[in-house]
Amino acid sequence: MEPRFAFLASSFADDSANTNESAAIADASLLDAYSTAVTRAVERVSPSVVKIDVTASSSRRSGAGSGFVFTPDGLVLTNSHVVRGGSRFQLTFNDGQLALATLVGEDADTDTAVLRTDAPTFQPAVLGSSRTLRVGQLAIAVGNPFGFQFTVTAGVISALGRSMRSTTGRMMEEVIQTDAALNPGNSGGPLVNSRGEVIGINTATIVSAQGLCFAIGIDTAKFVVSQLLQHGQVRRSWIGIAGQNVPLPRRLAYEYQLKESTGILVVSVQESSPASRASLREGDIITALAGQPVAGIDALHRLLTDEYAGKILSLEILRGVERLQIDIKPETKPAE
């Protein structure tokens, strides 16, 4: 019996060794496939990625960031906060080529900017789509963190449809969250998928956290680019108020059967603005626009699209204990 048990034990040991070896081979194959995907994606996008050195009008170097060429005629996408205040923009390509660029336009509300360069040779990046992304898929960030030119980090799409506040205070919608590490200097660089297609523009990270990084969806950027090229700015409606979100008095919300529990308290009204012409006053509380409930500033921003410019709309407000409806005619938002 003992030799038999010895044989079985030996057989089990051999099976276990074979299983471990097979698992190791499978793991190695997966790692090779992952490495290959990242490498190929980086090779595809790398010729278009640039380091952007920004000089202010004082002729002193004021900052740096990243960007990428996305058209054959030399248009470059980056972040608005990278180029803001700059008067001279120098691009450094991955192969060491230097070129100057000029600012085509920027939109601080989406932290997007477009430059144009006359560099003699470059390969534009291929733009993908952010609408087709899925949580968990591979995400690769390329940029120049802390001035270390052409740095690659990889991770996954952590979440979709995030919202975050831009430097203007406006809420940016449909932001991509990723755990591909970003640092200062990565701003404006491309976030790409496993095919090397740009799916986002790296824009921000939460300094006190790990693995919480954000990118503007490339579909949002495409819309902004088209507006900047056509009009020099993103056209939005504007009524000319400063406001803050406030809870609605419960009695009034119940009496008037209001659909939201919060509204916008008008803190100030700009002179010669649509709000001023509509006789909106400080202290009024906005509850609806064009029949749509308005629970706060962000909801109002989402409603004030370019299509409403020049149209007379119904604005519902609370003035004291009265509910009023006044006509207001939004205008195209003035350039900053």
C-alpha atoms as a PDB file:
ATOM      1  CA  MET A   1       0.000   0.000   0.000  1.00  0.00           C
ATOM      2  CA  GLU A   2       2.790   2.418   0.843  1.00  0.00           C
ATOM      3  CA  PRO A   3       4.292   2.438  -2.671  1.00  0.00           C
ATOM      4  CA  ARG A   4       0.797   3.069  -4.072  1.00  0.00           C
ATOM      5  CA  PHE A   5       0.256   6.049  -1.783  1.00  0.00           C
ATOM      6  CA  ALA A   6       3.708   7.286  -2.651  1.00  0.00           C
ATOM      7  CA  PHE A   7       2.845   6.990  -6.350  1.00  0.00           C
ATOM      8  CA  LEU A   8      -0.436   8.903  -5.863  1.00  0.00           C
ATOM      9  CA  ALA A   9       1.293  11.626  -3.885  1.00  0.00           C
ATOM     10  CA  SER A  10       3.906  11.903  -6.618  1.00  0.00           C
ATOM     11  CA  SER A  11       1.156  12.059  -9.227  1.00  0.00           C
ATOM     12  CA  PHE A  12      -0.636  14.839  -7.308  1.00  0.00           C
ATOM     13  CA  ALA A  13       2.626  16.740  -7.022  1.00  0.00           C
ATOM     14  CA  ASP A  14       3.225  16.430 -10.770  1.00  0.00           C
ATOM     15  CA  ASP A  15      -0.340  17.606 -11.530  1.00  0.00           C
ATOM     16  CA  SER A  16       0.081  20.561  -9.191  1.00  0.00           C
ATOM     17  CA  ALA A  17       3.378  21.495 -10.802  1.00  0.00           C
ATOM     18  CA  ASN A  18       1.828  21.264 -14.253  1.00  0.00           C
ATOM     19  CA  THR A  19      -1.097  23.423 -13.138  1.00  0.00           C
ATOM     20  CA  ASN A  20       1.209  26.061 -11.672  1.00  0.00           C
ATOM     21  CA  GLU A  21       3.314  26.041 -14.817  1.00  0.00           C
ATOM     22  CA  SER A  22       0.225  26.434 -17.001  1.00  0.00           C
ATOM     23  CA  ALA A  23      -1.017  29.298 -14.834  1.00  0.00           C
ATOM     24  CA  ALA A  24       2.370  30.978 -15.034  1.00  0.00           C
ATOM     25  CA  ILE A  25       2.368  30.654 -18.823  1.00  0.00           C
ATOM     26  CA  ALA A  26      -1.182  32.053 -18.996  1.00  0.00           C
ATOM     27  CA  ASP A  27      -0.227  34.983 -16.720  1.00  0.00           C
ATOM     28  CA  ALA A  28       2.853  35.678 -18.835  1.00  0.00           C
ATOM     29  CA  SER A  29       0.714  35.669 -21.984  1.00  0.00           C
ATOM     30  CA  LEU A  30      -1.724  38.123 -20.433  1.00  0.00           C
ATOM     31  CA  LEU A  31       1.109  40.408 -19.338  1.00  0.00           C
ATOM     32  CA  ASP A  32       2.670  40.205 -22.797  1.00  0.00           C
ATOM     33  CA  ALA A  33      -0.678  41.082 -24.389  1.00  0.00           C
ATOM     34  CA  TYR A  34      -1.124  44.027 -21.983  1.00  0.00           C
ATOM     35  CA  SER A  35       2.408  45.278 -22.665  1.00  0.00           C
ATOM     36  CA  THR A  36       1.911  44.909 -26.391  1.00  0.00           C
ATOM     37  CA  ALA A  37      -1.361  46.853 -26.280  1.00  0.00           C
ATOM     38  CA  VAL A  38       0.194  49.704 -24.322  1.00  0.00           C
ATOM     39  CA  THR A  39       3.319  49.779 -26.477  1.00  0.00           C
ATOM     40  CA  ARG A  40       1.404  49.842 -29.751  1.00  0.00           C
ATOM     41  CA  ALA A  41      -0.967  52.529 -28.523  1.00  0.00           C
ATOM     42  CA  VAL A  42       1.926  54.719 -27.379  1.00  0.00           C
ATOM     43  CA  GLU A  43       3.805  54.221 -30.650  1.00  0.00           C
ATOM     44  CA  ARG A  44       0.731  55.331 -32.560  1.00  0.00           C
ATOM     45  CA  VAL A  45       0.075  58.514 -30.618  1.00  0.00           C
ATOM     46  CA  SER A  46       3.640  59.548 -29.703  1.00  0.00           C
ATOM     47  CA  PRO A  47       4.476  61.495 -32.917  1.00  0.00           C
ATOM     48  CA  SER A  48       1.589  63.882 -32.219  1.00  0.00           C
ATOM     49  CA  VAL A  49       2.282  64.595 -28.528  1.00  0.00           C
ATOM     50  CA  VAL A  50       3.983  67.889 -27.683  1.00  0.00           C
ATOM     51  CA  LYS A  51       5.368  69.655 -24.640  1.00  0.00           C
ATOM     52  CA  ILE A  52       4.067  73.219 -24.480  1.00  0.00           C
ATOM     53  CA  ASP A  53       6.210  75.931 -22.894  1.00  0.00           C
ATOM     54  CA  VAL A  54       4.159  79.048 -22.258  1.00  0.00           C
ATOM     55  CA  THR A  55       5.670  82.508 -21.919  1.00  0.00           C
ATOM     56  CA  ALA A  56       3.659  85.423 -20.582  1.00  0.00           C
ATOM     57  CA  SER A  57       3.773  88.932 -21.999  1.00  0.00           C
ATOM     58  CA  SER A  58       6.456  89.795 -19.440  1.00  0.00           C
ATOM     59  CA  SER A  59       8.809  87.531 -21.469  1.00  0.00           C
ATOM     60  CA  ARG A  60       9.289  85.216 -18.536  1.00  0.00           C
ATOM     61  CA  ARG A  61       8.516  81.484 -18.766  1.00  0.00           C
ATOM     62  CA  SER A  62       5.188  81.188 -17.018  1.00  0.00           C
ATOM     63  CA  GLY A  63       4.374  77.517 -17.262  1.00  0.00           C
ATOM     64  CA  ALA A  64       4.300  74.319 -19.233  1.00  0.00           C
ATOM     65  CA  GLY A  65       1.906  71.579 -20.129  1.00  0.00           C
ATOM     66  CA  SER A  66       1.118  69.039 -22.798  1.00  0.00           C
ATOM     67  CA  GLY A  67      -0.908  68.837 -25.978  1.00  0.00           C
ATOM     68  CA  PHE A  68      -1.275  66.879 -29.191  1.00  0.00           C
ATOM     69  CA  VAL A  69      -1.607  67.625 -32.902  1.00  0.00           C
ATOM     70  CA  PHE A  70      -4.934  66.361 -34.209  1.00  0.00           C
ATOM     71  CA  THR A  71      -5.203  67.664 -37.789  1.00  0.00           C
ATOM     72  CA  PRO A  72      -2.890  67.518 -40.824  1.00  0.00           C
ATOM     73  CA  ASP A  73      -2.726  71.328 -40.954  1.00  0.00           C
ATOM     74  CA  GLY A  74      -1.224  71.615 -37.471  1.00  0.00           C
ATOM     75  CA  LEU A  75      -4.054  72.203 -34.998  1.00  0.00           C
ATOM     76  CA  VAL A  76      -3.120  71.289 -31.425  1.00  0.00           C
ATOM     77  CA  LEU A  77      -5.508  70.451 -28.576  1.00  0.00           C
ATOM     78  CA  THR A  78      -4.632  71.270 -24.981  1.00  0.00           C
ATOM     79  CA  ASN A  79      -6.177  72.723 -21.805  1.00  0.00           C
ATOM     80  CA  SER A  80      -7.319  76.303 -21.452  1.00  0.00           C
ATOM     81  CA  HIS A  81      -5.545  76.583 -18.108  1.00  0.00           C
ATOM     82  CA  VAL A  82      -2.255  75.615 -19.790  1.00  0.00           C
ATOM     83  CA  VAL A  83      -2.299  78.493 -22.298  1.00  0.00           C
ATOM     84  CA  ARG A  84      -4.223  81.141 -20.350  1.00  0.00           C
ATOM     85  CA  GLY A  85      -2.248  84.382 -20.046  1.00  0.00           C
ATOM     86  CA  GLY A  86       0.410  83.236 -22.512  1.00  0.00           C
ATOM     87  CA  SER A  87       1.737  85.299 -25.391  1.00  0.00           C
ATOM     88  CA  ARG A  88       4.276  82.827 -26.787  1.00  0.00           C
ATOM     89  CA  PHE A  89       3.875  79.075 -27.140  1.00  0.00           C
ATOM     90  CA  GLN A  90       6.783  76.797 -27.969  1.00  0.00           C
ATOM     91  CA  LEU A  91       6.147  73.169 -28.835  1.00  0.00           C
ATOM     92  CA  THR A  92       8.646  70.365 -28.359  1.00  0.00           C
ATOM     93  CA  PHE A  93       7.893  67.121 -30.205  1.00  0.00           C
ATOM     94  CA  ASN A  94       8.971  63.674 -29.066  1.00  0.00           C
ATOM     95  CA  ASP A  95      11.810  63.638 -31.622  1.00  0.00           C
ATOM     96  CA  GLY A  96      13.206  66.926 -30.311  1.00  0.00           C
ATOM     97  CA  GLN A  97      11.740  69.130 -33.045  1.00  0.00           C
ATOM     98  CA  LEU A  98      10.861  72.644 -31.862  1.00  0.00           C
ATOM     99  CA  ALA A  99       8.082  74.818 -33.272  1.00  0.00           C
ATOM    100  CA  LEU A 100       6.123  77.912 -32.333  1.00  0.00           C
ATOM    101  CA  ALA A 101       2.335  77.991 -32.151  1.00  0.00           C
ATOM    102  CA  THR A 102      -0.383  80.619 -32.033  1.00  0.00           C
ATOM    103  CA  LEU A 103      -3.614  80.542 -30.043  1.00  0.00           C
ATOM    104  CA  VAL A 104      -6.718  79.868 -32.149  1.00  0.00           C
ATOM    105  CA  GLY A 105      -9.142  80.026 -29.249  1.00  0.00           C
ATOM    106  CA  GLU A 106      -9.974  78.713 -25.797  1.00  0.00           C
ATOM    107  CA  ASP A 107     -13.015  77.833 -23.732  1.00  0.00           C
ATOM    108  CA  ALA A 108     -12.394  78.063 -20.007  1.00  0.00           C
ATOM    109  CA  ASP A 109     -15.825  76.576 -19.255  1.00  0.00           C
ATOM    110  CA  THR A 110     -14.638  73.199 -20.637  1.00  0.00           C
ATOM    111  CA  ASP A 111     -10.895  73.801 -20.050  1.00  0.00           C
ATOM    112  CA  THR A 112     -10.196  73.305 -23.752  1.00  0.00           C
ATOM    113  CA  ALA A 113      -7.915  75.300 -26.066  1.00  0.00           C
ATOM    114  CA  VAL A 114      -6.711  75.059 -29.660  1.00  0.00           C
ATOM    115  CA  LEU A 115      -3.303  76.144 -30.948  1.00  0.00           C
ATOM    116  CA  ARG A 116      -1.984  76.172 -34.519  1.00  0.00           C
ATOM    117  CA  THR A 117       1.598  75.358 -35.524  1.00  0.00           C
ATOM    118  CA  ASP A 118       3.466  75.485 -38.809  1.00  0.00           C
ATOM    119  CA  ALA A 119       5.865  72.700 -37.856  1.00  0.00           C
ATOM    120  CA  PRO A 120       7.189  71.114 -41.078  1.00  0.00           C
ATOM    121  CA  THR A 121       6.566  67.483 -40.150  1.00  0.00           C
ATOM    122  CA  PHE A 122       4.201  65.783 -37.744  1.00  0.00           C
ATOM    123  CA  GLN A 123       1.683  62.979 -37.577  1.00  0.00           C
ATOM    124  CA  PRO A 124      -1.779  63.919 -36.246  1.00  0.00           C
ATOM    125  CA  ALA A 125      -3.388  61.812 -33.543  1.00  0.00           C
ATOM    126  CA  VAL A 126      -6.451  59.754 -34.374  1.00  0.00           C
ATOM    127  CA  LEU A 127      -9.512  60.889 -32.436  1.00  0.00           C
ATOM    128  CA  GLY A 128     -11.768  58.183 -31.029  1.00  0.00           C
ATOM    129  CA  SER A 129     -15.071  58.571 -29.212  1.00  0.00           C
ATOM    130  CA  SER A 130     -15.800  59.008 -25.520  1.00  0.00           C
ATOM    131  CA  ARG A 131     -19.427  57.942 -25.929  1.00  0.00           C
ATOM    132  CA  THR A 132     -18.482  54.303 -26.506  1.00  0.00           C
ATOM    133  CA  LEU A 133     -16.221  53.952 -23.462  1.00  0.00           C
ATOM    134  CA  ARG A 134     -16.832  51.299 -20.835  1.00  0.00           C
ATOM    135  CA  VAL A 135     -15.725  51.259 -17.223  1.00  0.00           C
ATOM    136  CA  GLY A 136     -12.732  48.964 -16.792  1.00  0.00           C
ATOM    137  CA  GLN A 137     -11.223  49.358 -20.249  1.00  0.00           C
ATOM    138  CA  LEU A 138      -7.576  50.264 -20.732  1.00  0.00           C
ATOM    139  CA  ALA A 139      -6.652  53.958 -20.550  1.00  0.00           C
ATOM    140  CA  ILE A 140      -3.182  55.328 -21.328  1.00  0.00           C
ATOM    141  CA  ALA A 141      -2.059  58.872 -20.484  1.00  0.00           C
ATOM    142  CA  VAL A 142       0.827  60.544 -22.297  1.00  0.00           C
ATOM    143  CA  GLY A 143       2.325  63.876 -21.299  1.00  0.00           C
ATOM    144  CA  ASN A 144       5.151  65.789 -19.674  1.00  0.00           C
ATOM    145  CA  PRO A 145       4.678  65.691 -15.870  1.00  0.00           C
ATOM    146  CA  PHE A 146       6.966  68.076 -13.993  1.00  0.00           C
ATOM    147  CA  GLY A 147       8.790  68.740 -17.278  1.00  0.00           C
ATOM    148  CA  PHE A 148       9.836  65.102 -17.770  1.00  0.00           C
ATOM    149  CA  GLN A 149       9.205  64.964 -21.481  1.00  0.00           C
ATOM    150  CA  PHE A 150       7.066  62.179 -22.907  1.00  0.00           C
ATOM    151  CA  THR A 151       6.006  60.128 -19.905  1.00  0.00           C
ATOM    152  CA  VAL A 152       3.527  57.260 -20.201  1.00  0.00           C
ATOM    153  CA  THR A 153       1.202  55.936 -17.490  1.00  0.00           C
ATOM    154  CA  ALA A 154      -1.505  53.309 -17.853  1.00  0.00           C
ATOM    155  CA  GLY A 155      -4.620  52.304 -15.962  1.00  0.00           C
ATOM    156  CA  VAL A 156      -8.306  51.820 -16.577  1.00  0.00           C
ATOM    157  CA  ILE A 157     -11.432  53.911 -17.015  1.00  0.00           C
ATOM    158  CA  SER A 158     -12.626  54.153 -13.404  1.00  0.00           C
ATOM    159  CA  ALA A 159     -15.950  55.911 -14.006  1.00  0.00           C
ATOM    160  CA  LEU A 160     -17.883  57.776 -16.671  1.00  0.00           C
ATOM    161  CA  GLY A 161     -20.237  60.747 -16.639  1.00  0.00           C
ATOM    162  CA  ARG A 162     -18.479  62.563 -13.807  1.00  0.00           C
ATOM    163  CA  SER A 163     -18.976  66.301 -13.282  1.00  0.00           C
ATOM    164  CA  MET A 164     -16.337  68.730 -12.082  1.00  0.00           C
ATOM    165  CA  ARG A 165     -16.037  72.469 -11.656  1.00  0.00           C
ATOM    166  CA  SER A 166     -14.025  74.452 -14.196  1.00  0.00           C
ATOM    167  CA  THR A 167     -11.920  77.479 -13.287  1.00  0.00           C
ATOM    168  CA  THR A 168     -14.856  79.709 -14.300  1.00  0.00           C
ATOM    169  CA  GLY A 169     -17.150  77.985 -11.810  1.00  0.00           C
ATOM    170  CA  ARG A 170     -19.202  76.330 -14.551  1.00  0.00           C
ATOM    171  CA  MET A 171     -19.815  72.601 -14.204  1.00  0.00           C
ATOM    172  CA  MET A 172     -18.103  70.406 -16.806  1.00  0.00           C
ATOM    173  CA  GLU A 173     -20.229  67.407 -17.702  1.00  0.00           C
ATOM    174  CA  GLU A 174     -19.343  63.937 -19.032  1.00  0.00           C
ATOM    175  CA  VAL A 175     -15.849  63.936 -17.516  1.00  0.00           C
ATOM    176  CA  ILE A 176     -13.847  60.691 -17.608  1.00  0.00           C
ATOM    177  CA  GLN A 177     -12.340  59.382 -14.377  1.00  0.00           C
ATOM    178  CA  THR A 178      -9.220  57.223 -14.686  1.00  0.00           C
ATOM    179  CA  ASP A 179      -6.529  55.817 -12.418  1.00  0.00           C
ATOM    180  CA  ALA A 180      -3.778  56.386 -15.012  1.00  0.00           C
ATOM    181  CA  ALA A 181      -1.444  58.568 -12.939  1.00  0.00           C
ATOM    182  CA  LEU A 182      -1.404  62.284 -13.779  1.00  0.00           C
ATOM    183  CA  ASN A 183       0.802  65.026 -12.397  1.00  0.00           C
ATOM    184  CA  PRO A 184       1.331  68.739 -13.067  1.00  0.00           C
ATOM    185  CA  GLY A 185       2.519  69.011 -16.661  1.00  0.00           C
ATOM    186  CA  ASN A 186       0.264  66.187 -17.871  1.00  0.00           C
ATOM    187  CA  SER A 187      -2.504  68.740 -18.393  1.00  0.00           C
ATOM    188  CA  GLY A 188      -3.559  68.905 -22.027  1.00  0.00           C
ATOM    189  CA  GLY A 189      -2.021  65.602 -23.021  1.00  0.00           C
ATOM    190  CA  PRO A 190      -3.999  62.789 -24.632  1.00  0.00           C
ATOM    191  CA  LEU A 191      -5.771  59.937 -22.883  1.00  0.00           C
ATOM    192  CA  VAL A 192      -5.863  57.080 -25.395  1.00  0.00           C
ATOM    193  CA  ASN A 193      -7.420  53.634 -25.692  1.00  0.00           C
ATOM    194  CA  SER A 194      -5.662  50.374 -26.581  1.00  0.00           C
ATOM    195  CA  ARG A 195      -5.788  51.310 -30.295  1.00  0.00           C
ATOM    196  CA  GLY A 196      -3.977  54.585 -29.684  1.00  0.00           C
ATOM    197  CA  GLU A 197      -7.108  56.642 -30.386  1.00  0.00           C
ATOM    198  CA  VAL A 198      -7.558  59.767 -28.271  1.00  0.00           C
ATOM    199  CA  ILE A 199     -10.577  59.406 -25.977  1.00  0.00           C
ATOM    200  CA  GLY A 200      -9.934  62.373 -23.682  1.00  0.00           C
ATOM    201  CA  ILE A 201      -7.782  65.358 -22.764  1.00  0.00           C
ATOM    202  CA  ASN A 202      -6.085  64.964 -19.386  1.00  0.00           C
ATOM    203  CA  THR A 203      -7.085  67.903 -17.236  1.00  0.00           C
ATOM    204  CA  ALA A 204      -6.978  67.407 -13.462  1.00  0.00           C
ATOM    205  CA  THR A 205      -6.130  65.256 -10.496  1.00  0.00           C
ATOM    206  CA  ILE A 206      -7.124  65.391  -6.826  1.00  0.00           C
ATOM    207  CA  VAL A 207      -3.853  66.151  -5.085  1.00  0.00           C
ATOM    208  CA  SER A 208      -4.795  64.619  -1.733  1.00  0.00           C
ATOM    209  CA  ALA A 209      -6.004  61.357  -3.295  1.00  0.00           C
ATOM    210  CA  GLN A 210      -4.431  58.504  -5.237  1.00  0.00           C
ATOM    211  CA  GLY A 211      -5.807  57.234  -8.513  1.00  0.00           C
ATOM    212  CA  LEU A 212      -8.415  59.983  -8.937  1.00  0.00           C
ATOM    213  CA  CYS A 213      -7.582  61.622 -12.245  1.00  0.00           C
ATOM    214  CA  PHE A 214      -9.854  63.230 -14.805  1.00  0.00           C
ATOM    215  CA  ALA A 215     -10.027  63.898 -18.523  1.00  0.00           C
ATOM    216  CA  ILE A 216     -12.368  65.884 -20.759  1.00  0.00           C
ATOM    217  CA  GLY A 217     -14.232  63.512 -23.075  1.00  0.00           C
ATOM    218  CA  ILE A 218     -13.007  63.837 -26.653  1.00  0.00           C
ATOM    219  CA  ASP A 219     -16.572  64.208 -27.940  1.00  0.00           C
ATOM    220  CA  THR A 220     -16.942  67.338 -25.799  1.00  0.00           C
ATOM    221  CA  ALA A 221     -13.622  68.593 -27.184  1.00  0.00           C
ATOM    222  CA  LYS A 222     -14.768  67.994 -30.785  1.00  0.00           C
ATOM    223  CA  PHE A 223     -17.811  70.208 -30.217  1.00  0.00           C
ATOM    224  CA  VAL A 224     -15.695  72.927 -28.612  1.00  0.00           C
ATOM    225  CA  VAL A 225     -13.161  72.823 -31.460  1.00  0.00           C
ATOM    226  CA  SER A 226     -15.883  73.260 -34.077  1.00  0.00           C
ATOM    227  CA  GLN A 227     -17.241  76.290 -32.186  1.00  0.00           C
ATOM    228  CA  LEU A 228     -13.800  77.851 -31.747  1.00  0.00           C
ATOM    229  CA  LEU A 229     -12.948  77.430 -35.423  1.00  0.00           C
ATOM    230  CA  GLN A 230     -16.291  78.853 -36.579  1.00  0.00           C
ATOM    231  CA  HIS A 231     -16.865  81.635 -34.063  1.00  0.00           C
ATOM    232  CA  GLY A 232     -13.662  82.075 -32.057  1.00  0.00           C
ATOM    233  CA  GLN A 233     -15.598  81.127 -28.919  1.00  0.00           C
ATOM    234  CA  VAL A 234     -18.192  78.617 -27.733  1.00  0.00           C
ATOM    235  CA  ARG A 235     -21.545  80.305 -28.189  1.00  0.00           C
ATOM    236  CA  ARG A 236     -23.845  79.983 -25.199  1.00  0.00           C
ATOM    237  CA  SER A 237     -26.839  81.925 -23.967  1.00  0.00           C
ATOM    238  CA  TRP A 238     -26.505  84.415 -21.131  1.00  0.00           C
ATOM    239  CA  ILE A 239     -28.923  86.424 -19.002  1.00  0.00           C
ATOM    240  CA  GLY A 240     -26.507  88.452 -16.862  1.00  0.00           C
ATOM    241  CA  ILE A 241     -26.983  87.529 -13.225  1.00  0.00           C
ATOM    242  CA  ALA A 242     -24.879  86.372 -10.330  1.00  0.00           C
ATOM    243  CA  GLY A 243     -26.710  83.894  -8.144  1.00  0.00           C
ATOM    244  CA  GLN A 244     -26.428  81.214  -5.525  1.00  0.00           C
ATOM    245  CA  ASN A 245     -28.304  78.007  -4.851  1.00  0.00           C
ATOM    246  CA  VAL A 246     -30.804  78.285  -1.978  1.00  0.00           C
ATOM    247  CA  PRO A 247     -33.534  76.062  -0.503  1.00  0.00           C
ATOM    248  CA  LEU A 248     -37.044  77.193  -1.375  1.00  0.00           C
ATOM    249  CA  PRO A 249     -39.373  78.175   1.479  1.00  0.00           C
ATOM    250  CA  ARG A 250     -41.347  75.004   2.192  1.00  0.00           C
ATOM    251  CA  ARG A 251     -44.656  76.803   2.409  1.00  0.00           C
ATOM    252  CA  LEU A 252     -44.217  78.412  -1.003  1.00  0.00           C
ATOM    253  CA  ALA A 253     -42.916  75.209  -2.591  1.00  0.00           C
ATOM    254  CA  TYR A 254     -46.010  73.396  -1.332  1.00  0.00           C
ATOM    255  CA  GLU A 255     -48.449  76.180  -2.206  1.00  0.00           C
ATOM    256  CA  TYR A 256     -47.198  76.531  -5.780  1.00  0.00           C
ATOM    257  CA  GLN A 257     -46.469  72.800  -6.189  1.00  0.00           C
ATOM    258  CA  LEU A 258     -42.899  73.434  -7.281  1.00  0.00           C
ATOM    259  CA  LYS A 259     -41.058  70.392  -8.617  1.00  0.00           C
ATOM    260  CA  GLU A 260     -37.700  71.232  -6.998  1.00  0.00           C
ATOM    261  CA  SER A 261     -36.836  72.045  -3.404  1.00  0.00           C
ATOM    262  CA  THR A 262     -34.090  74.528  -4.359  1.00  0.00           C
ATOM    263  CA  GLY A 263     -33.726  77.490  -6.716  1.00  0.00           C
ATOM    264  CA  ILE A 264     -31.349  80.350  -7.598  1.00  0.00           C
ATOM    265  CA  LEU A 265     -31.241  83.464  -5.432  1.00  0.00           C
ATOM    266  CA  VAL A 266     -30.384  86.483  -7.628  1.00  0.00           C
ATOM    267  CA  VAL A 267     -27.465  88.172  -5.885  1.00  0.00           C
ATOM    268  CA  SER A 268     -26.775  90.821  -8.539  1.00  0.00           C
ATOM    269  CA  VAL A 269     -28.036  91.866 -11.964  1.00  0.00           C
ATOM    270  CA  GLN A 270     -25.610  93.146 -14.577  1.00  0.00           C
ATOM    271  CA  GLU A 271     -26.433  96.481 -16.183  1.00  0.00           C
ATOM    272  CA  SER A 272     -27.751  96.413 -19.772  1.00  0.00           C
ATOM    273  CA  SER A 273     -28.166  92.636 -19.572  1.00  0.00           C
ATOM    274  CA  PRO A 274     -31.189  90.511 -20.533  1.00  0.00           C
ATOM    275  CA  ALA A 275     -31.980  90.140 -16.821  1.00  0.00           C
ATOM    276  CA  SER A 276     -31.879  93.899 -16.332  1.00  0.00           C
ATOM    277  CA  ARG A 277     -34.196  94.493 -19.297  1.00  0.00           C
ATOM    278  CA  ALA A 278     -36.567  91.844 -17.923  1.00  0.00           C
ATOM    279  CA  SER A 279     -36.701  93.787 -14.617  1.00  0.00           C
ATOM    280  CA  LEU A 280     -35.211  90.911 -12.621  1.00  0.00           C
ATOM    281  CA  ARG A 281     -34.238  92.103  -9.151  1.00  0.00           C
ATOM    282  CA  GLU A 282     -31.789  91.198  -6.437  1.00  0.00           C
ATOM    283  CA  GLY A 283     -33.557  88.887  -4.018  1.00  0.00           C
ATOM    284  CA  ASP A 284     -35.704  87.192  -6.669  1.00  0.00           C
ATOM    285  CA  ILE A 285     -35.503  83.390  -6.690  1.00  0.00           C
ATOM    286  CA  ILE A 286     -35.469  81.694 -10.098  1.00  0.00           C
ATOM    287  CA  THR A 287     -37.389  78.405 -10.132  1.00  0.00           C
ATOM    288  CA  ALA A 288     -37.899  77.634 -13.847  1.00  0.00           C
ATOM    289  CA  LEU A 289     -36.882  78.680 -17.355  1.00  0.00           C
ATOM    290  CA  ALA A 290     -38.811  77.867 -20.529  1.00  0.00           C
ATOM    291  CA  GLY A 291     -41.046  75.549 -18.531  1.00  0.00           C
ATOM    292  CA  GLN A 292     -38.089  73.564 -17.163  1.00  0.00           C
ATOM    293  CA  PRO A 293     -37.475  73.453 -13.389  1.00  0.00           C
ATOM    294  CA  VAL A 294     -34.230  75.118 -12.338  1.00  0.00           C
ATOM    295  CA  ALA A 295     -32.829  73.680  -9.111  1.00  0.00           C
ATOM    296  CA  GLY A 296     -29.535  75.575  -9.225  1.00  0.00           C
ATOM    297  CA  ILE A 297     -26.848  77.375 -11.193  1.00  0.00           C
ATOM    298  CA  ASP A 298     -25.685  74.241 -13.009  1.00  0.00           C
ATOM    299  CA  ALA A 299     -29.200  73.446 -14.193  1.00  0.00           C
ATOM    300  CA  LEU A 300     -29.539  77.009 -15.523  1.00  0.00           C
ATOM    301  CA  HIS A 301     -26.210  76.710 -17.376  1.00  0.00           C
ATOM    302  CA  ARG A 302     -27.349  73.487 -19.014  1.00  0.00           C
ATOM    303  CA  LEU A 303     -30.507  75.182 -20.256  1.00  0.00           C
ATOM    304  CA  LEU A 304     -28.776  78.296 -21.576  1.00  0.00           C
ATOM    305  CA  THR A 305     -27.609  76.810 -24.866  1.00  0.00           C
ATOM    306  CA  ASP A 306     -26.920  78.780 -28.035  1.00  0.00           C
ATOM    307  CA  GLU A 307     -30.325  77.867 -29.475  1.00  0.00           C
ATOM    308  CA  TYR A 308     -32.050  80.040 -26.869  1.00  0.00           C
ATOM    309  CA  ALA A 309     -30.103  83.189 -27.816  1.00  0.00           C
ATOM    310  CA  GLY A 310     -32.492  85.804 -29.159  1.00  0.00           C
ATOM    311  CA  LYS A 311     -35.651  83.915 -28.185  1.00  0.00           C
ATOM    312  CA  ILE A 312     -38.202  85.208 -25.698  1.00  0.00           C
ATOM    313  CA  LEU A 313     -38.556  82.703 -22.848  1.00  0.00           C
ATOM    314  CA  SER A 314     -40.720  82.489 -19.765  1.00  0.00           C
ATOM    315  CA  LEU A 315     -38.772  82.884 -16.525  1.00  0.00           C
ATOM    316  CA  GLU A 316     -40.530  81.769 -13.357  1.00  0.00           C
ATOM    317  CA  ILE A 317     -39.491  83.484 -10.136  1.00  0.00           C
ATOM    318  CA  LEU A 318     -40.477  83.893  -6.520  1.00  0.00           C
ATOM    319  CA  ARG A 319     -40.577  87.546  -5.440  1.00  0.00           C
ATOM    320  CA  GLY A 320     -41.369  87.659  -1.767  1.00  0.00           C
ATOM    321  CA  VAL A 321     -44.384  85.366  -1.398  1.00  0.00           C
ATOM    322  CA  GLU A 322     -45.568  85.828  -4.987  1.00  0.00           C
ATOM    323  CA  ARG A 323     -44.860  83.549  -7.924  1.00  0.00           C
ATOM    324  CA  LEU A 324     -44.347  85.562 -11.110  1.00  0.00           C
ATOM    325  CA  GLN A 325     -43.660  84.741 -14.729  1.00  0.00           C
ATOM    326  CA  ILE A 326     -41.668  87.297 -16.708  1.00  0.00           C
ATOM    327  CA  ASP A 327     -40.380  87.298 -20.264  1.00  0.00           C
ATOM    328  CA  ILE A 328     -36.637  87.238 -20.791  1.00  0.00           C
ATOM    329  CA  LYS A 329     -34.601  87.217 -23.994  1.00  0.00           C
ATOM    330  CA  PRO A 330     -31.200  85.528 -23.480  1.00  0.00           C
ATOM    331  CA  GLU A 331     -28.296  86.732 -25.585  1.00  0.00           C
ATOM    332  CA  THR A 332     -25.131  85.084 -26.825  1.00  0.00           C
ATOM    333  CA  LYS A 333     -22.659  85.124 -23.945  1.00  0.00           C
ATOM    334  CA  PRO A 334     -20.089  87.927 -24.389  1.00  0.00           C
ATOM    335  CA  ALA A 335     -16.492  86.874 -24.899  1.00  0.00           C
ATOM    336  CA  GLU A 336     -14.439  87.063 -21.720  1.00  0.00           C
END
